[in-house]
Structures are given as structure tokens and as C-alpha cells.
Amino acid sequence: MRVVGIMLCVFIGIASVGFGGGELKKLPASGKEYDAVTGREIYSNTCIRCHGIDGKGTRGLHLVPLPADLTSPSIQSRLDGSLFKRIHDGKPNTAMGAWRTALSDDEIWDVLAYVRTFRQE
């Protein structure tokens, strides 16, 4: 009987996560390619001021904390969904604002495709 109770709790937990209606953004359908070239253009118009042309952050900028180094392993190892959420929603208590009203979801995915080109070998 105890096993049945545990299985029931696990099932209810899984079902509540699936039907919870949380605020998580849907990730793109697998296989859809986003455009790093378009992403580069958007990055140049919106992100370059803080993150710099090479993604390492603009020198001489006096922001606290400093903008993220987009080439770093700590950024490049993050999941796409996590980085999408950071661009979409911003980062509290930093200069990284939310871009959800200025960029469409597809534009954010394009920027993310470009940011992935900063990955160091």
C-alpha cells in the first residue's frame, strides 16, 4: 500500500508541474534554426553598448555589477532556455533590462544564436 501511495504522490507532482500554468516561455520547436546573422544586427543595435563588440563587456563602462562576459564558460555553458529568459526578462538589480517589449521572441532567439558564436574553443 505504501508503494501505491508513493506512486500516487509522484504522479500528482508530475501532473501539477505539467498543468501548473507557470510563466515559463515555450522553447522553440526542435530543429528550428535561428539566424545568427540577423542576431548580429540586433546585437549591434541593442547589446553592443554594454557587452561590447566581442561580447567581453565595454571597457570604461561604470556599471555595477559589470555586464556579463558573453564569451565566458559560465555564460556559454548555460542552457538556451536560461539565456533566453535572461534576455527576455532581464536580471534584477543590474543594468540588464528586460527586452521582452522591444524584441520579439524570434528576435531574442536570433540574438542568442549570435551570442553562441562567441563560444571559445
Foldseek 3Di string as FASTA:
>chain_A
DVVVVVVVVVVVVVVCVVPVPDPQDDDDDPPDDAALVLLLVVCVVPPCQALNPLRQGDPPDPWVPGDHRLQDPVNLVDDPSVQLCCQQDPDPPGPTHHCVVVDPSSSSVNNVVNSNVSHDD
